[in-house]
C-alpha atoms as a PDB file:
ATOM      1  CA  MET A   1      -0.081  -0.195  -0.029  1.00  0.00           C
ATOM      2  CA  GLU A   2       1.384   3.416  -0.985  1.00  0.00           C
ATOM      3  CA  SER A   3      -0.833   5.905   0.449  1.00  0.00           C
ATOM      4  CA  ASN A   4       0.738   8.042   2.548  1.00  0.00           C
ATOM      5  CA  PHE A   5      -1.616   9.256   5.402  1.00  0.00           C
ATOM      6  CA  LYS A   6      -1.345  10.980   8.853  1.00  0.00           C
ATOM      7  CA  VAL A   7      -0.931   8.375  11.864  1.00  0.00           C
ATOM      8  CA  ASN A   8      -1.913  10.044  15.307  1.00  0.00           C
ATOM      9  CA  MET A   9      -1.185   7.844  17.688  1.00  0.00           C
ATOM     10  CA  ASN A  10      -1.216   9.880  20.646  1.00  0.00           C
ATOM     11  CA  GLU A  11      -5.343  11.256  20.975  1.00  0.00           C
ATOM     12  CA  TYR A  12      -6.422  10.223  24.888  1.00  0.00           C
ATOM     13  CA  LEU A  13      -9.182   7.114  23.338  1.00  0.00           C
ATOM     14  CA  PRO A  14      -8.963   3.502  23.165  1.00  0.00           C
ATOM     15  CA  LEU A  15      -7.308   2.542  20.137  1.00  0.00           C
ATOM     16  CA  ARG A  16     -10.042   0.915  18.563  1.00  0.00           C
ATOM     17  CA  ASP A  17     -11.296   4.869  18.067  1.00  0.00           C
ATOM     18  CA  VAL A  18      -7.973   6.224  17.095  1.00  0.00           C
ATOM     19  CA  VAL A  19      -7.724   3.854  14.317  1.00  0.00           C
ATOM     20  CA  PHE A  20     -11.039   4.171  12.718  1.00  0.00           C
ATOM     21  CA  ASN A  21     -10.336   8.215  12.968  1.00  0.00           C
ATOM     22  CA  THR A  22      -6.699   7.605  11.413  1.00  0.00           C
ATOM     23  CA  LEU A  23      -8.914   5.390   8.440  1.00  0.00           C
ATOM     24  CA  ARG A  24     -11.640   7.980   8.373  1.00  0.00           C
ATOM     25  CA  GLN A  25      -9.430  11.233   8.003  1.00  0.00           C
ATOM     26  CA  ALA A  26      -7.875   9.464   5.327  1.00  0.00           C
ATOM     27  CA  ILE A  27     -10.315   8.297   3.644  1.00  0.00           C
ATOM     28  CA  LEU A  28     -12.212  11.964   3.727  1.00  0.00           C
ATOM     29  CA  ARG A  29      -9.160  13.956   3.116  1.00  0.00           C
ATOM     30  CA  GLY A  30      -8.343  12.027  -0.024  1.00  0.00           C
ATOM     31  CA  GLU A  31      -5.293  10.025   0.861  1.00  0.00           C
ATOM     32  CA  LEU A  32      -6.788   7.041   0.870  1.00  0.00           C
ATOM     33  CA  LYS A  33      -8.281   7.179  -2.546  1.00  0.00           C
ATOM     34  CA  PRO A  34     -11.805   5.672  -3.776  1.00  0.00           C
ATOM     35  CA  GLY A  35     -11.635   2.218  -5.034  1.00  0.00           C
ATOM     36  CA  GLU A  36      -8.234   1.385  -2.895  1.00  0.00           C
ATOM     37  CA  ARG A  37      -8.230  -2.180  -1.357  1.00  0.00           C
ATOM     38  CA  LEU A  38      -8.174  -1.825   2.402  1.00  0.00           C
ATOM     39  CA  MET A  39      -6.039  -4.520   2.882  1.00  0.00           C
ATOM     40  CA  GLU A  40      -5.760  -5.610   6.737  1.00  0.00           C
ATOM     41  CA  ILE A  41      -2.100  -6.615   7.173  1.00  0.00           C
ATOM     42  CA  GLN A  42      -0.589  -3.684   5.483  1.00  0.00           C
ATOM     43  CA  LEU A  43      -2.437  -1.616   7.358  1.00  0.00           C
ATOM     44  CA  ALA A  44      -2.141  -3.174  10.300  1.00  0.00           C
ATOM     45  CA  ASN A  45       1.715  -2.672   9.634  1.00  0.00           C
ATOM     46  CA  LYS A  46       1.650   0.417   8.822  1.00  0.00           C
ATOM     47  CA  LEU A  47      -0.351   1.447  11.846  1.00  0.00           C
ATOM     48  CA  GLY A  48       1.960  -0.334  14.335  1.00  0.00           C
ATOM     49  CA  VAL A  49      -1.408  -1.993  15.427  1.00  0.00           C
ATOM     50  CA  SER A  50      -2.595  -5.812  15.469  1.00  0.00           C
ATOM     51  CA  ARG A  51      -5.161  -6.697  12.439  1.00  0.00           C
ATOM     52  CA  THR A  52      -8.306  -6.515  15.078  1.00  0.00           C
ATOM     53  CA  PRO A  53      -8.897  -2.744  15.762  1.00  0.00           C
ATOM     54  CA  ILE A  54      -7.954  -2.333  11.778  1.00  0.00           C
ATOM     55  CA  ARG A  55     -10.962  -5.174  11.259  1.00  0.00           C
ATOM     56  CA  GLU A  56     -13.277  -3.000  13.493  1.00  0.00           C
ATOM     57  CA  ALA A  57     -12.190   0.231  11.898  1.00  0.00           C
ATOM     58  CA  ILE A  58     -13.448  -1.234   8.878  1.00  0.00           C
ATOM     59  CA  ARG A  59     -16.843  -2.218   9.916  1.00  0.00           C
ATOM     60  CA  LYS A  60     -17.557   1.081  11.239  1.00  0.00           C
ATOM     61  CA  LEU A  61     -16.297   2.444   8.151  1.00  0.00           C
ATOM     62  CA  GLU A  62     -18.550   0.418   6.067  1.00  0.00           C
ATOM     63  CA  LEU A  63     -21.892   1.308   8.322  1.00  0.00           C
ATOM     64  CA  GLU A  64     -21.030   4.790   7.717  1.00  0.00           C
ATOM     65  CA  GLY A  65     -20.667   4.222   3.804  1.00  0.00           C
ATOM     66  CA  LEU A  66     -16.978   5.367   3.302  1.00  0.00           C
ATOM     67  CA  VAL A  67     -15.818   1.880   2.722  1.00  0.00           C
ATOM     68  CA  LEU A  68     -17.895  -1.438   0.746  1.00  0.00           C
ATOM     69  CA  MET A  69     -17.275  -4.721   1.322  1.00  0.00           C
ATOM     70  CA  ILE A  70     -16.683  -6.344  -2.022  1.00  0.00           C
ATOM     71  CA  PRO A  71     -17.335 -10.509  -2.956  1.00  0.00           C
ATOM     72  CA  ARG A  72     -14.273 -12.050  -2.964  1.00  0.00           C
ATOM     73  CA  LYS A  73     -12.335  -8.920  -2.851  1.00  0.00           C
ATOM     74  CA  GLY A  74     -12.624  -7.501   0.359  1.00  0.00           C
ATOM     75  CA  ALA A  75     -12.659  -3.740   1.853  1.00  0.00           C
ATOM     76  CA  GLU A  76     -11.838  -0.740  -0.468  1.00  0.00           C
ATOM     77  CA  VAL A  77     -12.959   3.203  -0.315  1.00  0.00           C
ATOM     78  CA  ALA A  78     -16.115   3.496  -1.337  1.00  0.00           C
ATOM     79  CA  GLU A  79     -16.297   5.885  -4.550  1.00  0.00           C
ATOM     80  CA  ILE A  80     -18.066   9.546  -4.634  1.00  0.00           C
ATOM     81  CA  THR A  81     -21.643   9.518  -5.723  1.00  0.00           C
ATOM     82  CA  GLU A  82     -23.663  12.174  -6.541  1.00  0.00           C
ATOM     83  CA  LYS A  83     -26.335  11.462  -4.025  1.00  0.00           C
ATOM     84  CA  ASN A  84     -23.943  11.218  -1.393  1.00  0.00           C
ATOM     85  CA  MET A  85     -22.431  14.693  -2.062  1.00  0.00           C
ATOM     86  CA  ARG A  86     -26.154  16.329  -2.670  1.00  0.00           C
ATOM     87  CA  ASP A  87     -27.356  15.248   0.775  1.00  0.00           C
ATOM     88  CA  VAL A  88     -24.295  16.976   2.312  1.00  0.00           C
ATOM     89  CA  LEU A  89     -24.036  19.929   0.530  1.00  0.00           C
ATOM     90  CA  GLU A  90     -27.624  20.417   0.714  1.00  0.00           C
ATOM     91  CA  VAL A  91     -27.844  20.086   4.397  1.00  0.00           C
ATOM     92  CA  ARG A  92     -24.490  22.505   4.308  1.00  0.00           C
ATOM     93  CA  LYS A  93     -26.286  25.134   1.954  1.00  0.00           C
ATOM     94  CA  ALA A  94     -28.754  25.560   4.660  1.00  0.00           C
ATOM     95  CA  LEU A  95     -26.391  25.835   7.913  1.00  0.00           C
ATOM     96  CA  GLU A  96     -24.025  28.841   5.149  1.00  0.00           C
ATOM     97  CA  GLU A  97     -27.094  30.682   4.530  1.00  0.00           C
ATOM     98  CA  LEU A  98     -28.394  30.821   8.155  1.00  0.00           C
ATOM     99  CA  ALA A  99     -24.359  31.776   9.092  1.00  0.00           C
ATOM    100  CA  VAL A 100     -23.969  34.407   6.731  1.00  0.00           C
ATOM    101  CA  GLN A 101     -27.337  35.885   7.927  1.00  0.00           C
ATOM    102  CA  LEU A 102     -26.661  35.672  11.921  1.00  0.00           C
ATOM    103  CA  ALA A 103     -22.780  37.037  10.320  1.00  0.00           C
ATOM    104  CA  CYS A 104     -24.393  40.233   9.231  1.00  0.00           C
ATOM    105  CA  ASP A 105     -26.238  40.660  12.282  1.00  0.00           C
ATOM    106  CA  LYS A 106     -22.948  39.930  15.372  1.00  0.00           C
ATOM    107  CA  ILE A 107     -19.685  39.775  13.209  1.00  0.00           C
ATOM    108  CA  THR A 108     -17.363  42.602  15.097  1.00  0.00           C
ATOM    109  CA  LYS A 109     -14.661  44.565  13.347  1.00  0.00           C
ATOM    110  CA  GLU A 110     -11.834  41.992  14.521  1.00  0.00           C
ATOM    111  CA  GLU A 111     -13.883  39.152  13.283  1.00  0.00           C
ATOM    112  CA  ILE A 112     -14.371  41.397   9.716  1.00  0.00           C
ATOM    113  CA  GLU A 113     -10.336  41.855   9.747  1.00  0.00           C
ATOM    114  CA  GLU A 114      -9.921  38.138  10.396  1.00  0.00           C
ATOM    115  CA  MET A 115     -12.044  37.381   7.328  1.00  0.00           C
ATOM    116  CA  LYS A 116     -10.170  39.397   5.109  1.00  0.00           C
ATOM    117  CA  LYS A 117      -6.337  37.742   6.235  1.00  0.00           C
ATOM    118  CA  ALA A 118      -8.209  34.784   5.890  1.00  0.00           C
ATOM    119  CA  ALA A 119      -9.073  35.522   2.345  1.00  0.00           C
ATOM    120  CA  GLU A 120      -5.896  36.928   1.758  1.00  0.00           C
ATOM    121  CA  ASP A 121      -3.747  33.605   3.152  1.00  0.00           C
ATOM    122  CA  PHE A 122      -6.262  31.422   1.269  1.00  0.00           C
ATOM    123  CA  LYS A 123      -5.121  33.502  -2.552  1.00  0.00           C
ATOM    124  CA  LYS A 124      -1.527  33.163  -1.163  1.00  0.00           C
ATOM    125  CA  ILE A 125      -1.218  29.538  -0.410  1.00  0.00           C
ATOM    126  CA  LEU A 126      -3.212  28.771  -3.724  1.00  0.00           C
ATOM    127  CA  LYS A 127       0.089  29.509  -5.566  1.00  0.00           C
ATOM    128  CA  SER A 128       1.574  26.483  -3.584  1.00  0.00           C
ATOM    129  CA  LYS A 129      -0.993  23.679  -5.251  1.00  0.00           C
ATOM    130  CA  ASP A 130      -0.529  21.853  -1.879  1.00  0.00           C
ATOM    131  CA  ILE A 131      -4.302  20.768  -1.951  1.00  0.00           C
ATOM    132  CA  THR A 132      -4.391  19.574   1.847  1.00  0.00           C
ATOM    133  CA  GLU A 133      -3.157  23.406   2.430  1.00  0.00           C
ATOM    134  CA  ILE A 134      -5.356  25.048   0.059  1.00  0.00           C
ATOM    135  CA  ALA A 135      -8.781  23.279   1.536  1.00  0.00           C
ATOM    136  CA  GLU A 136      -7.477  24.314   5.590  1.00  0.00           C
ATOM    137  CA  ALA A 137      -7.100  27.673   4.133  1.00  0.00           C
ATOM    138  CA  ASP A 138     -10.795  27.398   3.101  1.00  0.00           C
ATOM    139  CA  VAL A 139     -11.663  25.931   5.985  1.00  0.00           C
ATOM    140  CA  ARG A 140      -9.852  28.699   8.090  1.00  0.00           C
ATOM    141  CA  PHE A 141     -12.037  31.527   6.048  1.00  0.00           C
ATOM    142  CA  HIS A 142     -15.474  29.570   6.416  1.00  0.00           C
ATOM    143  CA  ASP A 143     -14.416  28.553  10.331  1.00  0.00           C
ATOM    144  CA  ILE A 144     -14.437  32.798  11.203  1.00  0.00           C
ATOM    145  CA  ILE A 145     -18.550  33.118   9.318  1.00  0.00           C
ATOM    146  CA  TYR A 146     -19.319  30.579  11.832  1.00  0.00           C
ATOM    147  CA  MET A 147     -17.927  31.860  14.962  1.00  0.00           C
ATOM    148  CA  ALA A 148     -19.426  35.136  14.317  1.00  0.00           C
ATOM    149  CA  THR A 149     -22.500  34.286  14.440  1.00  0.00           C
ATOM    150  CA  ASP A 150     -22.203  33.844  18.281  1.00  0.00           C
ATOM    151  CA  ASN A 151     -24.456  30.875  18.314  1.00  0.00           C
ATOM    152  CA  GLN A 152     -22.819  27.341  19.717  1.00  0.00           C
ATOM    153  CA  LYS A 153     -25.734  25.041  18.522  1.00  0.00           C
ATOM    154  CA  LEU A 154     -25.030  26.257  14.883  1.00  0.00           C
ATOM    155  CA  ILE A 155     -21.082  25.909  15.227  1.00  0.00           C
ATOM    156  CA  GLN A 156     -21.668  22.467  16.737  1.00  0.00           C
ATOM    157  CA  LEU A 157     -23.503  21.709  13.617  1.00  0.00           C
ATOM    158  CA  LEU A 158     -21.490  22.255  11.196  1.00  0.00           C
ATOM    159  CA  ASN A 159     -18.680  21.122  13.202  1.00  0.00           C
ATOM    160  CA  ASN A 160     -20.217  17.749  12.673  1.00  0.00           C
ATOM    161  CA  LEU A 161     -20.756  17.827   9.322  1.00  0.00           C
ATOM    162  CA  ARG A 162     -17.092  19.395   8.800  1.00  0.00           C
ATOM    163  CA  GLU A 163     -15.303  15.606   7.868  1.00  0.00           C
ATOM    164  CA  GLN A 164     -18.138  14.890   5.392  1.00  0.00           C
ATOM    165  CA  MET A 165     -17.889  18.479   3.824  1.00  0.00           C
ATOM    166  CA  TYR A 166     -13.700  18.118   3.137  1.00  0.00           C
ATOM    167  CA  ARG A 167     -13.849  14.719   0.872  1.00  0.00           C
ATOM    168  CA  TYR A 168     -15.802  17.165  -1.316  1.00  0.00           C
ATOM    169  CA  ARG A 169     -14.429  20.399  -0.729  1.00  0.00           C
ATOM    170  CA  VAL A 170     -10.829  19.055  -1.817  1.00  0.00           C
ATOM    171  CA  GLU A 171     -12.654  17.527  -5.239  1.00  0.00           C
ATOM    172  CA  TYR A 172     -13.753  20.894  -6.258  1.00  0.00           C
ATOM    173  CA  LEU A 173     -10.454  22.825  -4.779  1.00  0.00           C
ATOM    174  CA  LYS A 174      -8.251  20.572  -7.274  1.00  0.00           C
ATOM    175  CA  ARG A 175      -9.784  22.419 -10.493  1.00  0.00           C
ATOM    176  CA  GLU A 176      -7.646  25.653 -10.685  1.00  0.00           C
ATOM    177  CA  LYS A 177     -10.013  26.882 -12.679  1.00  0.00           C
ATOM    178  CA  ALA A 178     -12.064  27.449 -10.399  1.00  0.00           C
ATOM    179  CA  HIS A 179      -9.756  29.309  -8.096  1.00  0.00           C
ATOM    180  CA  PRO A 180     -10.262  33.054  -9.617  1.00  0.00           C
ATOM    181  CA  GLN A 181     -14.001  32.728  -8.975  1.00  0.00           C
ATOM    182  CA  LEU A 182     -13.330  31.173  -5.306  1.00  0.00           C
ATOM    183  CA  ILE A 183     -11.335  34.409  -4.486  1.00  0.00           C
ATOM    184  CA  ALA A 184     -14.254  36.621  -5.889  1.00  0.00           C
ATOM    185  CA  GLU A 185     -16.833  34.961  -3.916  1.00  0.00           C
ATOM    186  CA  HIS A 186     -14.260  35.455  -0.952  1.00  0.00           C
ATOM    187  CA  ALA A 187     -14.472  39.018  -1.512  1.00  0.00           C
ATOM    188  CA  ALA A 188     -18.070  39.237  -2.171  1.00  0.00           C
ATOM    189  CA  ILE A 189     -18.924  37.005   1.247  1.00  0.00           C
ATOM    190  CA  ILE A 190     -16.697  39.591   3.366  1.00  0.00           C
ATOM    191  CA  GLU A 191     -17.999  42.815   1.507  1.00  0.00           C
ATOM    192  CA  TYR A 192     -21.723  42.122   2.448  1.00  0.00           C
ATOM    193  CA  ILE A 193     -21.200  40.265   5.711  1.00  0.00           C
ATOM    194  CA  SER A 194     -19.224  43.902   7.028  1.00  0.00           C
ATOM    195  CA  LYS A 195     -21.958  45.887   5.168  1.00  0.00           C
ATOM    196  CA  GLY A 196     -24.636  43.689   7.064  1.00  0.00           C
ATOM    197  CA  GLU A 197     -26.630  43.257   3.815  1.00  0.00           C
ATOM    198  CA  LYS A 198     -27.959  39.835   4.341  1.00  0.00           C
ATOM    199  CA  LYS A 199     -30.183  39.356   1.241  1.00  0.00           C
ATOM    200  CA  ALA A 200     -26.654  39.913  -0.782  1.00  0.00           C
ATOM    201  CA  ALA A 201     -24.806  37.916   1.650  1.00  0.00           C
ATOM    202  CA  THR A 202     -27.063  35.197   1.381  1.00  0.00           C
ATOM    203  CA  ASP A 203     -27.128  34.634  -2.199  1.00  0.00           C
ATOM    204  CA  ILE A 204     -23.468  35.031  -2.785  1.00  0.00           C
ATOM    205  CA  MET A 205     -23.086  31.903  -0.264  1.00  0.00           C
ATOM    206  CA  CYS A 206     -25.707  30.090  -2.017  1.00  0.00           C
ATOM    207  CA  LYS A 207     -23.931  30.797  -5.691  1.00  0.00           C
ATOM    208  CA  HIS A 208     -20.305  29.488  -3.837  1.00  0.00           C
ATOM    209  CA  ILE A 209     -22.169  26.406  -2.881  1.00  0.00           C
ATOM    210  CA  ASP A 210     -23.995  26.223  -6.314  1.00  0.00           C
ATOM    211  CA  ASN A 211     -20.692  26.387  -7.651  1.00  0.00           C
ATOM    212  CA  GLN A 212     -19.081  23.788  -5.989  1.00  0.00           C
ATOM    213  CA  VAL A 213     -21.708  20.916  -6.650  1.00  0.00           C
ATOM    214  CA  THR A 214     -22.116  22.027 -10.198  1.00  0.00           C
ATOM    215  CA  THR A 215     -18.086  21.244 -10.265  1.00  0.00           C
ATOM    216  CA  VAL A 216     -18.160  17.829  -8.155  1.00  0.00           C
ATOM    217  CA  ILE A 217     -20.643  16.819 -10.184  1.00  0.00           C
ATOM    218  CA  ASP A 218     -19.121  17.031 -13.088  1.00  0.00           C
ATOM    219  CA  VAL A 219     -15.837  15.579 -11.679  1.00  0.00           C
ATOM    220  CA  ILE A 220     -18.063  12.290 -10.620  1.00  0.00           C
ATOM    221  CA  ARG A 221     -19.648  11.615 -14.110  1.00  0.00           C
ATOM    222  CA  THR A 222     -15.984  12.204 -15.750  1.00  0.00           C
ATOM    223  CA  LYS A 223     -14.801   9.795 -13.269  1.00  0.00           C
ATOM    224  CA  GLN A 224     -18.122   7.502 -14.677  1.00  0.00           C
ATOM    225  CA  ASN A 225     -17.061   7.793 -18.438  1.00  0.00           C
END
């Protein structure tokens, strides 16, 4: 197995949960690719554990729909499907709409400056072409909006959805031709939130996510052909 994913064995969790979280992160971040076989022996050697927690983790990942059990082949990473992507991004869209509306009322001058800095950092990191760093920079930009809502329940819901969104975010950001549009959308989001223009802020956020949906659908359909 050639996948090079990060392993964190220092978490204060039972070993089976550490292994599960490690493999889950690797799948969601694209470090374990769709269609890639999950070989228990190789994974156990890579993580320095026995096969038992690997087997338990794979079983849990199957329940989450991230892993498929193929007859006579074993476990493999589930392909990204249009249905799953739509389900996740429809929920994200509704939550992000609410977030920008609340942020319009509650955001502070300091948070506006943080958003501007995050948008600039995103532009700079795009030049690196490091997809993980680019995705993390995009996450930081949106996190500032979430924090500006001052609504802990909404923040918790978005955080719970974070890892499921991440898989599609990475696929979107791989499309370099979408980067100028992303930069422009970030700038518009900042402008409308800072002015408290709720409708305009909501409209641009909807467009921001709809563009991601369109692009990822194109990616999925291209891979299927």
